[in-house]
Amino acid sequence: MFHFLILALSTGDIDIIKELLYRDPRTQNDEQVEKVLEEILSLPENKEMRKHYLKK
């Protein structure tokens, strides 16, 4: 799992973060994965994370 975190951080690929959430037993479906990711990225303290993964 740790290598996925390093890869996600170094590439900025949000799909890797989603894959980690899919593997988490607390998320059961696509809707939950998207909701958790949205909630994490919307936290004020995660502003830099949001910019890193949602660059367009």
PDB file of N, CA and C in Angstrom:
ATOM      1  N   MET A   1       0.810  -1.196   0.000  1.00  0.00           N
ATOM      2  CA  MET A   1       0.000   0.000   0.000  1.00  0.00           C
ATOM      3  C   MET A   1       0.853   1.259   0.000  1.00  0.00           C
ATOM      4  N   PHE A   2       1.958   1.205   0.732  1.00  0.00           N
ATOM      5  CA  PHE A   2       2.798   2.389   0.848  1.00  0.00           C
ATOM      6  C   PHE A   2       3.288   2.863  -0.515  1.00  0.00           C
ATOM      7  N   HIS A   3       3.619   1.920  -1.402  1.00  0.00           N
ATOM      8  CA  HIS A   3       4.112   2.319  -2.721  1.00  0.00           C
ATOM      9  C   HIS A   3       3.038   3.039  -3.523  1.00  0.00           C
ATOM     10  N   PHE A   4       1.752   2.697  -3.292  1.00  0.00           N
ATOM     11  CA  PHE A   4       0.657   3.407  -3.950  1.00  0.00           C
ATOM     12  C   PHE A   4       0.605   4.863  -3.488  1.00  0.00           C
ATOM     13  N   LEU A   5       0.822   5.084  -2.198  1.00  0.00           N
ATOM     14  CA  LEU A   5       0.806   6.450  -1.668  1.00  0.00           C
ATOM     15  C   LEU A   5       1.930   7.283  -2.269  1.00  0.00           C
ATOM     16  N   ILE A   6       3.117   6.691  -2.364  1.00  0.00           N
ATOM     17  CA  ILE A   6       4.263   7.390  -2.958  1.00  0.00           C
ATOM     18  C   ILE A   6       3.990   7.698  -4.428  1.00  0.00           C
ATOM     19  N   LEU A   7       3.447   6.728  -5.143  1.00  0.00           N
ATOM     20  CA  LEU A   7       3.134   6.919  -6.557  1.00  0.00           C
ATOM     21  C   LEU A   7       2.082   8.012  -6.741  1.00  0.00           C
ATOM     22  N   ALA A   8       1.043   7.991  -5.924  1.00  0.00           N
ATOM     23  CA  ALA A   8      -0.008   9.012  -6.009  1.00  0.00           C
ATOM     24  C   ALA A   8       0.559  10.394  -5.743  1.00  0.00           C
ATOM     25  N   LEU A   9       1.385  10.501  -4.734  1.00  0.00           N
ATOM     26  CA  LEU A   9       1.973  11.793  -4.388  1.00  0.00           C
ATOM     27  C   LEU A   9       2.905  12.296  -5.487  1.00  0.00           C
ATOM     28  N   SER A  10       3.733  11.416  -6.007  1.00  0.00           N
ATOM     29  CA  SER A  10       4.718  11.844  -7.004  1.00  0.00           C
ATOM     30  C   SER A  10       4.097  12.161  -8.362  1.00  0.00           C
ATOM     31  N   THR A  11       2.999  11.491  -8.707  1.00  0.00           N
ATOM     32  CA  THR A  11       2.383  11.710 -10.017  1.00  0.00           C
ATOM     33  C   THR A  11       1.200  12.664  -9.976  1.00  0.00           C
ATOM     34  N   GLY A  12       0.574  12.813  -8.810  1.00  0.00           N
ATOM     35  CA  GLY A  12      -0.631  13.639  -8.718  1.00  0.00           C
ATOM     36  C   GLY A  12      -1.835  12.965  -9.347  1.00  0.00           C
ATOM     37  N   ASP A  13      -1.766  11.655  -9.506  1.00  0.00           N
ATOM     38  CA  ASP A  13      -2.844  10.889 -10.148  1.00  0.00           C
ATOM     39  C   ASP A  13      -3.938  10.562  -9.136  1.00  0.00           C
ATOM     40  N   ILE A  14      -5.073  11.218  -9.278  1.00  0.00           N
ATOM     41  CA  ILE A  14      -6.175  11.024  -8.338  1.00  0.00           C
ATOM     42  C   ILE A  14      -6.766   9.615  -8.442  1.00  0.00           C
ATOM     43  N   ASP A  15      -6.594   8.973  -9.581  1.00  0.00           N
ATOM     44  CA  ASP A  15      -7.110   7.609  -9.736  1.00  0.00           C
ATOM     45  C   ASP A  15      -6.414   6.632  -8.792  1.00  0.00           C
ATOM     46  N   ILE A  16      -5.181   6.905  -8.441  1.00  0.00           N
ATOM     47  CA  ILE A  16      -4.472   6.049  -7.483  1.00  0.00           C
ATOM     48  C   ILE A  16      -5.096   6.200  -6.098  1.00  0.00           C
ATOM     49  N   ILE A  17      -5.452   7.427  -5.742  1.00  0.00           N
ATOM     50  CA  ILE A  17      -6.136   7.658  -4.466  1.00  0.00           C
ATOM     51  C   ILE A  17      -7.475   6.929  -4.464  1.00  0.00           C
ATOM     52  N   LYS A  18      -8.184   7.000  -5.578  1.00  0.00           N
ATOM     53  CA  LYS A  18      -9.472   6.295  -5.681  1.00  0.00           C
ATOM     54  C   LYS A  18      -9.275   4.791  -5.523  1.00  0.00           C
ATOM     55  N   GLU A  19      -8.234   4.254  -6.134  1.00  0.00           N
ATOM     56  CA  GLU A  19      -7.956   2.817  -6.012  1.00  0.00           C
ATOM     57  C   GLU A  19      -7.718   2.429  -4.558  1.00  0.00           C
ATOM     58  N   LEU A  20      -6.992   3.256  -3.832  1.00  0.00           N
ATOM     59  CA  LEU A  20      -6.774   2.983  -2.408  1.00  0.00           C
ATOM     60  C   LEU A  20      -8.097   2.991  -1.649  1.00  0.00           C
ATOM     61  N   LEU A  21      -8.972   3.911  -1.993  1.00  0.00           N
ATOM     62  CA  LEU A  21     -10.282   3.964  -1.335  1.00  0.00           C
ATOM     63  C   LEU A  21     -11.136   2.750  -1.709  1.00  0.00           C
ATOM     64  N   TYR A  22     -11.043   2.289  -2.952  1.00  0.00           N
ATOM     65  CA  TYR A  22     -11.777   1.081  -3.359  1.00  0.00           C
ATOM     66  C   TYR A  22     -11.314  -0.138  -2.563  1.00  0.00           C
ATOM     67  N   ARG A  23     -10.051  -0.180  -2.220  1.00  0.00           N
ATOM     68  CA  ARG A  23      -9.501  -1.314  -1.461  1.00  0.00           C
ATOM     69  C   ARG A  23      -9.813  -1.245   0.029  1.00  0.00           C
ATOM     70  N   ASP A  24     -10.252  -0.092   0.488  1.00  0.00           N
ATOM     71  CA  ASP A  24     -10.594   0.096   1.902  1.00  0.00           C
ATOM     72  C   ASP A  24     -11.953  -0.555   2.169  1.00  0.00           C
ATOM     73  N   PRO A  25     -12.045  -1.435   3.147  1.00  0.00           N
ATOM     74  CA  PRO A  25     -13.315  -2.123   3.410  1.00  0.00           C
ATOM     75  C   PRO A  25     -14.436  -1.190   3.872  1.00  0.00           C
ATOM     76  N   ARG A  26     -14.112   0.030   4.239  1.00  0.00           N
ATOM     77  CA  ARG A  26     -15.151   0.971   4.678  1.00  0.00           C
ATOM     78  C   ARG A  26     -15.889   1.611   3.514  1.00  0.00           C
ATOM     79  N   THR A  27     -15.337   1.500   2.308  1.00  0.00           N
ATOM     80  CA  THR A  27     -16.032   2.014   1.122  1.00  0.00           C
ATOM     81  C   THR A  27     -16.505   0.826   0.303  1.00  0.00           C
ATOM     82  N   GLN A  28     -17.793   0.808   0.032  1.00  0.00           N
ATOM     83  CA  GLN A  28     -18.416  -0.357  -0.598  1.00  0.00           C
ATOM     84  C   GLN A  28     -18.719  -0.183  -2.082  1.00  0.00           C
ATOM     85  N   ASN A  29     -18.752   1.059  -2.573  1.00  0.00           N
ATOM     86  CA  ASN A  29     -19.136   1.266  -3.967  1.00  0.00           C
ATOM     87  C   ASN A  29     -18.574   2.593  -4.491  1.00  0.00           C
ATOM     88  N   ASP A  30     -18.805   2.839  -5.788  1.00  0.00           N
ATOM     89  CA  ASP A  30     -18.287   4.051  -6.430  1.00  0.00           C
ATOM     90  C   ASP A  30     -18.786   5.320  -5.751  1.00  0.00           C
ATOM     91  N   GLU A  31     -20.047   5.332  -5.402  1.00  0.00           N
ATOM     92  CA  GLU A  31     -20.640   6.516  -4.776  1.00  0.00           C
ATOM     93  C   GLU A  31     -19.935   6.855  -3.461  1.00  0.00           C
ATOM     94  N   GLN A  32     -19.659   5.854  -2.661  1.00  0.00           N
ATOM     95  CA  GLN A  32     -18.975   6.084  -1.388  1.00  0.00           C
ATOM     96  C   GLN A  32     -17.543   6.568  -1.605  1.00  0.00           C
ATOM     97  N   VAL A  33     -16.851   5.985  -2.565  1.00  0.00           N
ATOM     98  CA  VAL A  33     -15.477   6.402  -2.859  1.00  0.00           C
ATOM     99  C   VAL A  33     -15.459   7.871  -3.269  1.00  0.00           C
ATOM    100  N   GLU A  34     -16.344   8.254  -4.169  1.00  0.00           N
ATOM    101  CA  GLU A  34     -16.401   9.641  -4.628  1.00  0.00           C
ATOM    102  C   GLU A  34     -16.759  10.589  -3.489  1.00  0.00           C
ATOM    103  N   LYS A  35     -17.687  10.176  -2.633  1.00  0.00           N
ATOM    104  CA  LYS A  35     -18.113  11.024  -1.513  1.00  0.00           C
ATOM    105  C   LYS A  35     -16.971  11.221  -0.512  1.00  0.00           C
ATOM    106  N   VAL A  36     -16.277  10.152  -0.175  1.00  0.00           N
ATOM    107  CA  VAL A  36     -15.150  10.255   0.759  1.00  0.00           C
ATOM    108  C   VAL A  36     -14.066  11.157   0.178  1.00  0.00           C
ATOM    109  N   LEU A  37     -13.743  10.953  -1.081  1.00  0.00           N
ATOM    110  CA  LEU A  37     -12.715  11.770  -1.720  1.00  0.00           C
ATOM    111  C   LEU A  37     -13.127  13.241  -1.747  1.00  0.00           C
ATOM    112  N   GLU A  38     -14.369  13.499  -2.083  1.00  0.00           N
ATOM    113  CA  GLU A  38     -14.881  14.871  -2.102  1.00  0.00           C
ATOM    114  C   GLU A  38     -14.791  15.509  -0.713  1.00  0.00           C
ATOM    115  N   GLU A  39     -15.163  14.754   0.305  1.00  0.00           N
ATOM    116  CA  GLU A  39     -15.121  15.283   1.670  1.00  0.00           C
ATOM    117  C   GLU A  39     -13.685  15.572   2.114  1.00  0.00           C
ATOM    118  N   ILE A  40     -12.777  14.678   1.798  1.00  0.00           N
ATOM    119  CA  ILE A  40     -11.371  14.878   2.169  1.00  0.00           C
ATOM    120  C   ILE A  40     -10.802  16.116   1.473  1.00  0.00           C
ATOM    121  N   LEU A  41     -11.055  16.228   0.176  1.00  0.00           N
ATOM    122  CA  LEU A  41     -10.487  17.337  -0.585  1.00  0.00           C
ATOM    123  C   LEU A  41     -11.147  18.675  -0.275  1.00  0.00           C
ATOM    124  N   SER A  42     -12.337  18.659   0.290  1.00  0.00           N
ATOM    125  CA  SER A  42     -13.026  19.914   0.598  1.00  0.00           C
ATOM    126  C   SER A  42     -12.624  20.506   1.951  1.00  0.00           C
ATOM    127  N   LEU A  43     -11.882  19.752   2.753  1.00  0.00           N
ATOM    128  CA  LEU A  43     -11.436  20.278   4.044  1.00  0.00           C
ATOM    129  C   LEU A  43     -10.449  21.429   3.823  1.00  0.00           C
ATOM    130  N   PRO A  44     -10.623  22.529   4.564  1.00  0.00           N
ATOM    131  CA  PRO A  44      -9.734  23.684   4.378  1.00  0.00           C
ATOM    132  C   PRO A  44      -8.251  23.339   4.531  1.00  0.00           C
ATOM    133  N   GLU A  45      -7.939  22.437   5.439  1.00  0.00           N
ATOM    134  CA  GLU A  45      -6.529  22.082   5.657  1.00  0.00           C
ATOM    135  C   GLU A  45      -5.943  21.251   4.511  1.00  0.00           C
ATOM    136  N   ASN A  46      -6.779  20.823   3.585  1.00  0.00           N
ATOM    137  CA  ASN A  46      -6.308  20.031   2.445  1.00  0.00           C
ATOM    138  C   ASN A  46      -6.279  20.840   1.147  1.00  0.00           C
ATOM    139  N   LYS A  47      -6.167  22.152   1.277  1.00  0.00           N
ATOM    140  CA  LYS A  47      -6.152  23.027   0.100  1.00  0.00           C
ATOM    141  C   LYS A  47      -5.032  22.650  -0.874  1.00  0.00           C
ATOM    142  N   GLU A  48      -3.841  22.414  -0.366  1.00  0.00           N
ATOM    143  CA  GLU A  48      -2.708  22.054  -1.231  1.00  0.00           C
ATOM    144  C   GLU A  48      -2.922  20.684  -1.881  1.00  0.00           C
ATOM    145  N   MET A  49      -3.488  19.762  -1.128  1.00  0.00           N
ATOM    146  CA  MET A  49      -3.793  18.440  -1.680  1.00  0.00           C
ATOM    147  C   MET A  49      -4.792  18.573  -2.828  1.00  0.00           C
ATOM    148  N   ARG A  50      -5.807  19.384  -2.617  1.00  0.00           N
ATOM    149  CA  ARG A  50      -6.838  19.606  -3.635  1.00  0.00           C
ATOM    150  C   ARG A  50      -6.198  20.164  -4.908  1.00  0.00           C
ATOM    151  N   LYS A  51      -5.319  21.146  -4.765  1.00  0.00           N
ATOM    152  CA  LYS A  51      -4.652  21.726  -5.937  1.00  0.00           C
ATOM    153  C   LYS A  51      -3.770  20.688  -6.633  1.00  0.00           C
ATOM    154  N   HIS A  52      -3.108  19.850  -5.851  1.00  0.00           N
ATOM    155  CA  HIS A  52      -2.203  18.843  -6.417  1.00  0.00           C
ATOM    156  C   HIS A  52      -2.954  17.790  -7.233  1.00  0.00           C
ATOM    157  N   TYR A  53      -4.078  17.324  -6.719  1.00  0.00           N
ATOM    158  CA  TYR A  53      -4.798  16.233  -7.381  1.00  0.00           C
ATOM    159  C   TYR A  53      -5.868  16.693  -8.356  1.00  0.00           C
ATOM    160  N   LEU A  54      -6.290  17.939  -8.265  1.00  0.00           N
ATOM    161  CA  LEU A  54      -7.341  18.418  -9.161  1.00  0.00           C
ATOM    162  C   LEU A  54      -6.822  19.453 -10.149  1.00  0.00           C
ATOM    163  N   LYS A  55      -5.542  19.411 -10.432  1.00  0.00           N
ATOM    164  CA  LYS A  55      -4.986  20.362 -11.404  1.00  0.00           C
ATOM    165  C   LYS A  55      -5.602  20.097 -12.774  1.00  0.00           C
ATOM    166  N   LYS A  56      -5.939  21.178 -13.427  1.00  0.00           N
ATOM    167  CA  LYS A  56      -6.599  21.040 -14.738  1.00  0.00           C
ATOM    168  C   LYS A  56      -5.953  21.945 -15.746  1.00  0.00           C
TER     169      LYS A  56
END
